[in-house]
Amino acid sequence: MSINNENGMHDNGRVFEVPKRVYSAPTSINLEITEACNFKCGHCYNPWREESFGVNSLTNEKMDWLLSEFADCGVFHVVFSGGEPMAKFDLLEYGVKQAINKGLSVSINSTLSLATPDRIKRLRQAGADHILASWYDIDPDATDEITATKGSYQKVIDGIKCAVENGIRVSVNTICTNNNLDSIYNSGKIVHELGATQFIAHRVVPPAYDRNDKKQHRINQDISIQGLDELLRLKEDTGIQVGTLISYPLCLLGDLEKYRDFIGRGCPTQSGHRFNINSTGDTHGCVMEDKDYGDVFEVGLLEAFKRTSEWRDKSYYYEGCKGCDYLEVCQTGCRMDAFAATGKMDGKDPLWKGKEFIFKPYKHVEDPNTIIKIKEGAKLSVPKRVRWRQEDGFNLLNIRWGNTIEVSDDVAIFLKRYQKNRLKFTIEDFGKGREVELSNLLYKEAIVSDDISLNVKRRGVSVDPAKLPNADGNITFKANGDITSIDNTVVSI
């Protein structure tokens, strides 16, 4: 199936205005260093899996070129993936070392089925501190069937334990379908007991080679919500962090306060943050996309990224979302699931319900006392870990890992000056009346304060305050039939 609305236009012209802030390059790269994998999972998103399974891998020389290209273009973060990256362990270790040396932060996506204490220690010494592991099922036989590999369940269990025991933070990801709802909670309990810090269960999206499937690779609205409820129950009972790697339309959630753990990621490709490079050099906007935008070794990162502009200029936005307050946060849901369901990149996400179903807003600043303390003169500072990239008319501020937000040039100039001189500042220095703006930055950990205690969930990708609605901070919502005025404590930065 080919994309049949490539210009993103309709008969009556463009539906959505082109964004005013345009990124010159991605902020995070998903780099598939090899096709090789010891598992052969039916849900794998890689479209090459049947054609050239396990043939192609990067070399050290190509790794060097890519990482230099990333650094030169202002990329902040690299996710090393595959295939199974540990199937080419020496290359993985080399890539991690070189990336860290070039000022890039890194993480690894792995089944951990090939992990050993020696390998984990070497990765830790190279500079890796986080691995996103895969989880398949609580039943060993079902796991073997999914991975087409005998004994895979125990290999994954042992791999998670090995990574945790040897000092690497582990998050665990699984897929939620119409068929595995009953296992989500118990799977989360198992990985929590193994020492994982976060359990992620994202909606299934049909892989490129099986988009006509109506059963195995589908999930309906009711099961989606029940799956998220199971994650929240898990969080309540164990304390483990929960989340999702693939966004849900916010209109499906409705209560954005209850489901706040699953809000903010949006579509990293449509926001301009994420870009995918295969071990062959082929490039894709989304990891689940089979359209190729050119060999990065031939055209370079900036040109390949430029060719994906329709992902970022709202050409793929679903027109039914026009007028939604949370359009820039949600970005009209998952475009690849919409494409699988409708044959159109700007089609309706199968989980979409409509903006009228959002009845409780998202509140970025959870504790209003934060604003009060800032007004009273709390001292603030900019951590050394914060990185910057100048864009045309604004700045990108990287908090850590792949978590990057937009800030205006005047805010960037101010924060850079205090960061460089290692000085603390107060609202008097920043400007009275801008307390909410500082609160947003504080909750993002773009700034910190010894005077204000916050319990902030650290994430690789989360809400960008600049994308939240209502710069004036006031919004009226209808909740349970009543009209309620709610302070949304958000301003554009």
Protein backbone atom coordinates (compact mmCIF):
# COMPACT_ATOMS: atom_id res chain seq x y z
CA MET A 1 0.00 0.00 0.00
CA SER A 2 1.48 3.35 -0.96
CA ILE A 3 0.82 6.74 0.56
CA ASN A 4 -1.86 8.27 -1.65
CA ASN A 5 -2.00 11.82 -0.35
CA GLU A 6 1.64 12.74 -0.39
CA ASN A 7 1.15 16.47 -0.74
CA GLY A 8 -0.99 16.54 2.39
CA MET A 9 -3.58 18.72 0.66
CA HIS A 10 -7.29 18.38 0.14
CA ASP A 11 -9.47 19.61 -2.70
CA ASN A 12 -10.25 22.76 -0.76
CA GLY A 13 -6.62 23.53 0.08
CA ARG A 14 -4.51 23.12 3.19
CA VAL A 15 -6.49 22.21 6.30
CA PHE A 16 -3.86 23.23 8.89
CA GLU A 17 -1.43 26.14 8.85
CA VAL A 18 2.25 25.29 8.46
CA PRO A 19 4.09 25.49 11.83
CA LYS A 20 6.05 28.66 12.47
CA ARG A 21 8.82 26.84 14.32
CA VAL A 22 10.67 24.46 12.01
CA TYR A 23 13.53 22.21 13.13
CA SER A 24 16.71 22.14 11.06
CA ALA A 25 17.51 18.56 12.11
CA PRO A 26 16.09 15.85 14.35
CA THR A 27 16.94 15.99 18.04
CA SER A 28 17.02 12.19 18.47
CA ILE A 29 18.04 9.38 16.10
CA ASN A 30 16.87 5.79 16.23
CA LEU A 31 19.90 4.03 14.75
CA GLU A 32 19.40 0.41 13.75
CA ILE A 33 22.96 -0.86 13.81
CA THR A 34 22.13 -4.36 12.53
CA GLU A 35 19.35 -6.48 11.10
CA ALA A 36 20.63 -9.52 12.96
CA CYS A 37 18.34 -10.81 15.71
CA ASN A 38 18.10 -14.09 17.61
CA PHE A 39 14.29 -13.67 17.79
CA LYS A 40 11.83 -13.53 14.90
CA CYS A 41 8.75 -11.87 16.33
CA GLY A 42 5.58 -11.72 14.26
CA HIS A 43 4.80 -8.16 15.34
CA CYS A 44 8.25 -6.76 14.43
CA TYR A 45 7.87 -3.41 12.70
CA ASN A 46 10.94 -3.73 10.48
CA PRO A 47 9.76 -4.19 6.88
CA TRP A 48 13.05 -5.77 5.80
CA ARG A 49 12.69 -8.73 8.15
CA GLU A 50 11.59 -11.24 5.49
CA GLU A 51 13.66 -9.90 2.60
CA SER A 52 17.14 -9.59 4.12
CA PHE A 53 16.83 -10.95 7.62
CA GLY A 54 20.11 -10.55 9.48
CA VAL A 55 22.27 -9.65 6.47
CA ASN A 56 23.09 -5.97 6.94
CA SER A 57 25.02 -4.29 9.74
CA LEU A 58 26.95 -1.06 10.10
CA THR A 59 30.74 -1.04 10.19
CA ASN A 60 32.93 0.93 12.59
CA GLU A 61 33.77 3.31 9.74
CA LYS A 62 30.10 3.96 8.95
CA MET A 63 29.35 4.33 12.64
CA ASP A 64 32.06 6.98 12.91
CA TRP A 65 30.65 8.89 9.94
CA LEU A 66 27.11 8.78 11.25
CA LEU A 67 27.97 9.91 14.77
CA SER A 68 30.07 12.78 13.43
CA GLU A 69 27.16 13.75 11.18
CA PHE A 70 24.76 13.66 14.13
CA ALA A 71 27.03 15.82 16.28
CA ASP A 72 27.64 18.33 13.48
CA CYS A 73 23.88 18.66 12.87
CA GLY A 74 23.06 19.27 16.53
CA VAL A 75 21.44 15.94 17.38
CA PHE A 76 21.23 15.38 21.14
CA HIS A 77 20.43 11.69 21.58
CA VAL A 78 21.00 8.34 19.85
CA VAL A 79 18.98 5.19 20.46
CA PHE A 80 20.98 2.12 19.41
CA SER A 81 18.62 -0.56 18.18
CA GLY A 82 18.27 -3.32 15.60
CA GLY A 83 17.52 -6.15 14.99
CA GLU A 84 19.10 -7.06 18.26
CA PRO A 85 22.05 -4.71 18.86
CA MET A 86 23.78 -7.17 21.18
CA ALA A 87 23.99 -9.57 18.24
CA LYS A 88 26.80 -7.21 17.13
CA PHE A 89 28.08 -6.44 20.58
CA ASP A 90 31.52 -5.07 19.67
CA LEU A 91 29.89 -2.63 17.24
CA LEU A 92 27.35 -1.61 19.87
CA GLU A 93 30.05 -1.00 22.48
CA TYR A 94 32.10 0.97 19.97
CA GLY A 95 29.11 3.10 19.00
CA VAL A 96 28.24 3.92 22.60
CA LYS A 97 31.83 4.99 23.36
CA GLN A 98 32.10 7.15 20.27
CA ALA A 99 28.71 8.77 20.78
CA ILE A 100 29.53 9.72 24.38
CA ASN A 101 32.89 11.11 23.23
CA LYS A 102 31.06 13.37 20.77
CA GLY A 103 28.72 14.75 23.42
CA LEU A 104 25.69 12.67 22.44
CA SER A 105 23.57 10.93 25.06
CA VAL A 106 22.63 7.32 24.36
CA SER A 107 20.20 4.57 25.18
CA ILE A 108 19.77 1.02 23.89
CA ASN A 109 16.72 -0.95 22.73
CA SER A 110 17.29 -4.66 23.28
CA THR A 111 15.56 -7.91 24.14
CA LEU A 112 18.40 -8.43 26.67
CA SER A 113 18.27 -12.09 25.70
CA LEU A 114 21.98 -11.96 24.79
CA ALA A 115 23.05 -10.05 27.89
CA THR A 116 25.87 -11.31 30.11
CA PRO A 117 27.43 -9.68 33.18
CA ASP A 118 30.59 -8.92 31.20
CA ARG A 119 28.66 -7.27 28.37
CA ILE A 120 26.53 -5.15 30.68
CA LYS A 121 29.59 -4.00 32.64
CA ARG A 122 31.35 -3.07 29.40
CA LEU A 123 28.35 -1.06 28.21
CA ARG A 124 28.17 0.68 31.57
CA GLN A 125 31.86 1.55 31.37
CA ALA A 126 31.34 2.83 27.81
CA GLY A 127 28.74 5.29 29.10
CA ALA A 128 25.37 3.56 28.63
CA ASP A 129 23.01 3.94 31.57
CA HIS A 130 19.63 2.84 30.19
CA ILE A 131 18.22 -0.08 28.22
CA LEU A 132 14.65 -0.42 26.98
CA ALA A 133 13.94 -4.15 27.07
CA SER A 134 11.17 -6.06 25.33
CA TRP A 135 8.56 -8.19 27.08
CA TYR A 136 6.29 -10.66 25.32
CA ASP A 137 4.00 -12.66 27.62
CA ILE A 138 3.77 -14.05 31.17
CA ASP A 139 3.49 -17.56 29.74
CA PRO A 140 6.81 -19.16 28.66
CA ASP A 141 5.23 -21.18 25.87
CA ALA A 142 3.41 -18.15 24.49
CA THR A 143 6.67 -16.19 24.61
CA ASP A 144 8.45 -18.91 22.65
CA GLU A 145 5.68 -18.83 20.07
CA ILE A 146 5.80 -15.05 19.72
CA THR A 147 9.58 -14.94 19.38
CA ALA A 148 9.83 -18.19 17.40
CA THR A 149 12.65 -19.08 19.78
CA LYS A 150 12.65 -21.87 22.34
CA GLY A 151 13.59 -20.79 25.87
CA SER A 152 13.18 -17.09 25.08
CA TYR A 153 11.11 -16.35 28.20
CA GLN A 154 13.90 -17.32 30.58
CA LYS A 155 16.49 -15.53 28.44
CA VAL A 156 14.55 -12.28 28.77
CA ILE A 157 14.07 -12.77 32.53
CA ASP A 158 17.78 -13.46 33.02
CA GLY A 159 18.73 -10.51 30.81
CA ILE A 160 16.68 -8.01 32.79
CA LYS A 161 18.10 -9.29 36.07
CA CYS A 162 21.61 -9.17 34.65
CA ALA A 163 21.30 -5.55 33.52
CA VAL A 164 19.79 -4.36 36.80
CA GLU A 165 22.33 -6.21 38.95
CA ASN A 166 25.18 -4.69 36.97
CA GLY A 167 24.11 -1.08 37.26
CA ILE A 168 22.04 -0.24 34.20
CA ARG A 169 18.59 1.26 34.53
CA VAL A 170 16.01 -0.89 32.73
CA SER A 171 12.61 0.03 31.33
CA VAL A 172 10.47 -2.74 29.90
CA ASN A 173 8.12 -2.40 26.96
CA THR A 174 5.31 -4.67 25.81
CA ILE A 175 2.55 -4.44 23.24
CA CYS A 176 -1.12 -4.23 24.18
CA THR A 177 -3.54 -5.95 21.79
CA ASN A 178 -7.12 -7.15 21.86
CA ASN A 179 -5.80 -10.53 23.00
CA ASN A 180 -3.45 -9.88 25.94
CA LEU A 181 -5.25 -7.44 28.25
CA ASP A 182 -5.40 -9.99 31.08
CA SER A 183 -1.60 -10.26 31.22
CA ILE A 184 -0.65 -6.57 31.39
CA TYR A 185 -0.88 -6.17 35.17
CA ASN A 186 0.87 -9.44 36.03
CA SER A 187 3.58 -8.80 33.46
CA GLY A 188 4.23 -5.45 35.11
CA LYS A 189 4.47 -7.05 38.54
CA ILE A 190 7.06 -9.50 37.26
CA VAL A 191 9.31 -6.84 35.72
CA HIS A 192 8.93 -4.68 38.83
CA GLU A 193 10.15 -7.57 40.97
CA LEU A 194 13.08 -7.98 38.57
CA GLY A 195 14.11 -4.37 39.29
CA ALA A 196 12.85 -2.49 36.23
CA THR A 197 12.07 1.17 36.89
CA GLN A 198 9.32 1.57 34.28
CA PHE A 199 6.78 -0.65 32.54
CA ILE A 200 5.47 0.53 29.19
CA ALA A 201 2.57 -1.05 27.33
CA HIS A 202 1.92 0.59 24.01
CA ARG A 203 -0.88 0.05 21.54
CA VAL A 204 -0.19 -2.41 18.76
CA VAL A 205 0.26 -0.93 15.28
CA PRO A 206 0.07 -3.20 12.22
CA PRO A 207 3.58 -3.78 10.79
CA ALA A 208 4.27 -2.77 7.21
CA TYR A 209 4.08 -6.32 5.87
CA ASP A 210 0.71 -7.09 7.48
CA ARG A 211 -1.41 -3.92 7.43
CA ASN A 212 -4.50 -5.81 6.30
CA ASP A 213 -4.56 -7.90 9.47
CA LYS A 214 -7.76 -7.32 11.44
CA LYS A 215 -7.13 -9.47 14.53
CA GLN A 216 -3.56 -10.01 15.71
CA HIS A 217 -2.32 -6.45 15.10
CA ARG A 218 -5.37 -4.49 16.17
CA ILE A 219 -6.71 -2.97 19.37
CA ASN A 220 -10.09 -1.33 19.93
CA GLN A 221 -11.00 1.71 22.03
CA ASP A 222 -12.38 -0.18 25.04
CA ILE A 223 -9.38 -2.52 25.32
CA SER A 224 -7.02 0.44 24.95
CA ILE A 225 -8.54 2.23 27.93
CA GLN A 226 -8.68 -0.97 29.99
CA GLY A 227 -5.00 -1.53 29.25
CA LEU A 228 -4.12 1.95 30.50
CA ASP A 229 -6.25 1.36 33.60
CA GLU A 230 -4.27 -1.81 34.26
CA LEU A 231 -1.06 0.19 34.06
CA LEU A 232 -2.40 2.74 36.53
CA ARG A 233 -3.42 -0.07 38.88
CA LEU A 234 0.09 -1.47 38.59
CA LYS A 235 1.59 1.93 39.41
CA GLU A 236 -0.69 2.30 42.45
CA ASP A 237 0.16 -1.16 43.79
CA THR A 238 3.92 -1.26 43.11
CA GLY A 239 5.12 2.31 42.59
CA ILE A 240 6.69 1.47 39.23
CA GLN A 241 6.55 4.18 36.58
CA VAL A 242 4.25 3.50 33.63
CA GLY A 243 3.93 4.95 30.16
CA THR A 244 3.52 4.38 26.46
CA LEU A 245 5.81 4.60 23.44
CA ILE A 246 3.03 5.19 20.92
CA SER A 247 0.58 7.98 21.57
CA TYR A 248 -3.13 7.59 22.07
CA PRO A 249 -5.51 10.28 20.79
CA LEU A 250 -6.17 12.45 23.83
CA CYS A 251 -9.87 12.44 23.00
CA LEU A 252 -9.85 8.69 23.69
CA LEU A 253 -8.52 9.39 27.20
CA GLY A 254 -11.00 12.16 28.03
CA ASP A 255 -9.79 12.61 31.61
CA LEU A 256 -6.32 14.06 31.00
CA GLU A 257 -5.65 14.38 34.70
CA LYS A 258 -6.23 10.68 35.39
CA TYR A 259 -4.23 9.56 32.35
CA ARG A 260 -1.44 12.14 32.65
CA ASP A 261 1.21 9.38 32.55
CA PHE A 262 0.28 8.75 28.91
CA ILE A 263 0.15 12.36 27.72
CA GLY A 264 2.84 14.42 26.09
CA ARG A 265 4.80 12.05 23.91
CA GLY A 266 2.60 12.81 20.91
CA CYS A 267 4.26 11.78 17.67
CA PRO A 268 8.04 12.40 17.93
CA THR A 269 8.27 12.29 14.14
CA GLN A 270 5.57 14.91 13.53
CA SER A 271 7.04 17.15 16.23
CA GLY A 272 10.41 17.02 14.45
CA HIS A 273 12.30 15.21 17.17
CA ARG A 274 12.70 11.63 15.93
CA PHE A 275 14.31 10.20 12.80
CA ASN A 276 15.12 6.61 11.89
CA ILE A 277 18.18 5.23 10.09
CA ASN A 278 18.54 1.57 9.10
CA SER A 279 21.79 -0.39 9.02
CA THR A 280 21.73 -0.04 5.21
CA GLY A 281 21.62 3.75 5.44
CA ASP A 282 17.96 3.89 4.40
CA THR A 283 16.00 6.55 6.28
CA HIS A 284 12.45 6.79 7.60
CA GLY A 285 10.47 9.37 9.51
CA CYS A 286 8.86 6.77 11.76
CA VAL A 287 10.35 3.40 12.68
CA MET A 288 7.14 1.77 11.43
CA GLU A 289 7.26 3.50 8.08
CA ASP A 290 8.39 1.64 4.95
CA LYS A 291 8.79 4.74 2.79
CA ASP A 292 12.50 5.54 2.25
CA TYR A 293 13.76 9.14 2.10
CA GLY A 294 17.23 8.39 0.77
CA ASP A 295 20.50 6.76 1.75
CA VAL A 296 21.96 8.91 4.51
CA PHE A 297 25.49 8.06 3.37
CA GLU A 298 24.69 9.55 -0.03
CA VAL A 299 22.45 12.52 0.74
CA GLY A 300 23.44 13.35 4.33
CA LEU A 301 21.27 13.71 7.42
CA LEU A 302 19.96 17.20 6.75
CA GLU A 303 18.76 16.41 3.24
CA ALA A 304 17.15 13.12 4.28
CA PHE A 305 15.44 14.89 7.17
CA LYS A 306 14.27 17.69 4.87
CA ARG A 307 12.59 15.12 2.63
CA THR A 308 10.36 14.11 5.55
CA SER A 309 8.94 17.65 5.83
CA GLU A 310 5.36 16.46 5.28
CA TRP A 311 5.58 14.68 8.60
CA ARG A 312 6.23 18.03 10.27
CA ASP A 313 4.22 20.58 8.28
CA LYS A 314 0.85 19.17 9.44
CA SER A 315 0.15 17.57 6.06
CA TYR A 316 -0.63 14.33 7.89
CA TYR A 317 -2.93 15.83 10.52
CA TYR A 318 -6.44 14.38 10.51
CA GLU A 319 -8.89 17.15 9.60
CA GLY A 320 -11.42 15.97 12.20
CA CYS A 321 -9.04 17.29 14.88
CA LYS A 322 -9.21 20.88 13.67
CA GLY A 323 -10.08 23.21 16.53
CA CYS A 324 -8.90 20.88 19.31
CA ASP A 325 -7.05 22.68 22.13
CA TYR A 326 -4.56 19.81 22.38
CA LEU A 327 -3.75 19.56 18.68
CA GLU A 328 -0.04 20.32 19.15
CA VAL A 329 0.30 17.82 21.98
CA CYS A 330 -1.61 14.94 20.38
CA GLN A 331 -0.82 15.67 16.71
CA THR A 332 -3.98 13.76 15.72
CA GLY A 333 -2.81 10.37 17.01
CA CYS A 334 -0.68 7.67 15.40
CA ARG A 335 -0.25 8.30 11.70
CA MET A 336 0.95 4.80 10.85
CA ASP A 337 -2.08 3.22 12.53
CA ALA A 338 -4.28 5.69 10.66
CA PHE A 339 -2.53 4.74 7.42
CA ALA A 340 -3.04 1.02 8.08
CA ALA A 341 -6.74 1.61 8.79
CA THR A 342 -7.59 4.11 6.04
CA GLY A 343 -4.81 4.01 3.43
CA LYS A 344 -4.19 7.72 4.08
CA MET A 345 -1.47 9.34 6.13
CA ASP A 346 -3.94 12.04 7.13
CA GLY A 347 -6.64 9.50 7.89
CA LYS A 348 -8.45 8.94 11.17
CA ASP A 349 -6.62 7.15 13.96
CA PRO A 350 -8.78 4.07 14.75
CA LEU A 351 -8.82 5.13 18.42
CA TRP A 352 -10.01 8.69 17.69
CA LYS A 353 -13.28 9.85 19.30
CA GLY A 354 -13.41 13.64 18.86
CA LYS A 355 -12.37 16.72 20.82
CA GLU A 356 -15.74 16.95 22.58
CA PHE A 357 -14.79 13.85 24.58
CA ILE A 358 -11.97 15.66 26.43
CA PHE A 359 -13.64 16.71 29.69
CA LYS A 360 -10.79 17.22 32.17
CA PRO A 361 -7.65 19.19 31.21
CA TYR A 362 -3.99 18.36 31.63
CA LYS A 363 -2.23 20.35 34.35
CA HIS A 364 1.52 20.59 33.91
CA VAL A 365 2.26 22.33 37.21
CA GLU A 366 0.71 19.97 39.73
CA ASP A 367 1.38 21.94 42.93
CA PRO A 368 0.33 25.62 42.92
CA ASN A 369 2.68 26.17 45.88
CA THR A 370 5.50 25.98 43.34
CA ILE A 371 4.36 29.26 41.83
CA ILE A 372 4.00 30.81 45.27
CA LYS A 373 7.55 29.84 46.24
CA ILE A 374 8.90 31.30 43.01
CA LYS A 375 7.03 34.54 43.74
CA GLU A 376 8.55 34.58 47.22
CA GLY A 377 12.07 34.52 45.77
CA ALA A 378 13.12 30.87 45.51
CA LYS A 379 16.62 30.59 44.04
CA LEU A 380 16.85 28.77 40.71
CA SER A 381 19.66 27.52 38.50
CA VAL A 382 20.29 25.80 35.18
CA PRO A 383 21.91 22.35 35.45
CA LYS A 384 25.15 21.67 33.60
CA ARG A 385 23.47 18.74 31.77
CA VAL A 386 21.15 21.09 29.83
CA ARG A 387 22.13 21.32 26.16
CA TRP A 388 21.10 23.86 23.53
CA ARG A 389 20.51 24.21 19.80
CA GLN A 390 19.81 27.49 18.08
CA GLU A 391 17.02 27.37 15.50
CA ASP A 392 15.51 30.10 13.32
CA GLY A 393 13.72 32.35 15.80
CA PHE A 394 13.79 30.01 18.81
CA ASN A 395 15.99 27.59 20.74
CA LEU A 396 15.78 23.90 21.53
CA LEU A 397 16.58 23.03 25.13
CA ASN A 398 17.55 19.43 25.83
CA ILE A 399 16.88 18.42 29.42
CA ARG A 400 18.41 14.94 29.29
CA TRP A 401 18.35 11.95 26.93
CA GLY A 402 15.70 12.51 24.23
CA ASN A 403 13.67 15.03 26.24
CA THR A 404 13.83 18.32 24.32
CA ILE A 405 11.54 21.36 24.44
CA GLU A 406 11.22 24.67 22.64
CA VAL A 407 12.01 28.02 24.28
CA SER A 408 12.01 31.55 22.95
CA ASP A 409 15.32 33.20 22.17
CA ASP A 410 15.05 35.66 25.06
CA VAL A 411 14.53 32.85 27.56
CA ALA A 412 17.44 30.92 26.05
CA ILE A 413 19.79 33.90 26.25
CA PHE A 414 18.90 34.43 29.90
CA LEU A 415 19.24 30.78 30.92
CA LYS A 416 22.47 30.26 28.97
CA ARG A 417 24.08 33.22 30.72
CA TYR A 418 23.25 31.90 34.18
CA GLN A 419 24.25 28.36 33.23
CA LYS A 420 27.62 29.48 31.85
CA ASN A 421 28.42 31.54 34.94
CA ARG A 422 27.00 28.91 37.33
CA LEU A 423 24.85 31.52 39.00
CA LYS A 424 21.48 31.30 40.72
CA PHE A 425 18.61 33.64 39.88
CA THR A 426 15.16 34.57 41.15
CA ILE A 427 11.93 35.85 39.65
CA GLU A 428 13.31 39.38 40.13
CA ASP A 429 16.04 38.58 37.61
CA PHE A 430 13.80 36.68 35.18
CA GLY A 431 10.92 39.12 35.30
CA LYS A 432 7.96 39.49 37.64
CA GLY A 433 4.73 38.10 36.27
CA ARG A 434 6.50 35.15 34.63
CA GLU A 435 6.23 32.77 37.57
CA VAL A 436 4.17 30.21 35.65
CA GLU A 437 6.78 30.15 32.91
CA LEU A 438 9.48 29.30 35.44
CA SER A 439 7.21 26.72 37.05
CA ASN A 440 6.85 24.97 33.70
CA LEU A 441 10.62 24.89 33.28
CA LEU A 442 11.03 23.64 36.83
CA TYR A 443 8.60 20.77 36.28
CA LYS A 444 10.53 19.87 33.14
CA GLU A 445 13.80 19.93 35.16
CA ALA A 446 15.17 22.46 32.71
CA ILE A 447 15.89 24.47 35.85
CA VAL A 448 16.26 23.28 39.44
CA SER A 449 15.91 24.75 42.92
CA ASP A 450 17.10 23.67 46.35
CA ASP A 451 14.26 25.76 47.77
CA ILE A 452 11.49 23.80 46.03
CA SER A 453 10.94 20.08 46.48
CA LEU A 454 9.35 18.34 43.49
CA ASN A 455 8.59 14.72 42.71
CA VAL A 456 9.10 14.79 38.96
CA LYS A 457 8.88 11.71 36.77
CA ARG A 458 11.95 11.67 34.57
CA ARG A 459 11.19 10.65 31.01
CA GLY A 460 12.93 10.37 27.70
CA VAL A 461 10.08 12.21 25.98
CA SER A 462 7.27 14.13 27.67
CA VAL A 463 5.09 17.22 27.43
CA ASP A 464 6.59 20.33 25.89
CA PRO A 465 4.97 23.27 27.73
CA ALA A 466 5.23 25.34 24.55
CA LYS A 467 2.70 23.00 22.91
CA LEU A 468 0.06 23.14 25.65
CA PRO A 469 -3.09 25.24 25.15
CA ASN A 470 -4.18 28.54 26.66
CA ALA A 471 -1.31 30.90 27.13
CA ASP A 472 -3.42 32.92 29.56
CA GLY A 473 -3.66 29.91 31.86
CA ASN A 474 -7.43 29.95 32.16
CA ILE A 475 -9.82 27.51 30.55
CA THR A 476 -13.39 26.51 31.19
CA PHE A 477 -14.33 22.86 30.84
CA LYS A 478 -17.57 20.98 31.16
CA ALA A 479 -17.05 18.17 33.66
CA ASN A 480 -19.86 15.81 34.71
CA GLY A 481 -22.40 18.26 33.35
CA ASP A 482 -21.06 21.27 35.26
CA ILE A 483 -19.15 24.24 33.91
CA THR A 484 -15.94 24.52 35.90
CA SER A 485 -13.21 27.16 35.65
CA ILE A 486 -9.82 25.51 35.87
CA ASP A 487 -6.40 27.12 36.14
CA ASN A 488 -4.34 25.22 33.57
CA THR A 489 -1.10 26.89 34.75
CA VAL A 490 0.48 26.95 31.32
CA VAL A 491 2.06 29.68 29.26
CA SER A 492 3.84 29.53 25.96
CA ILE A 493 7.60 29.56 26.27
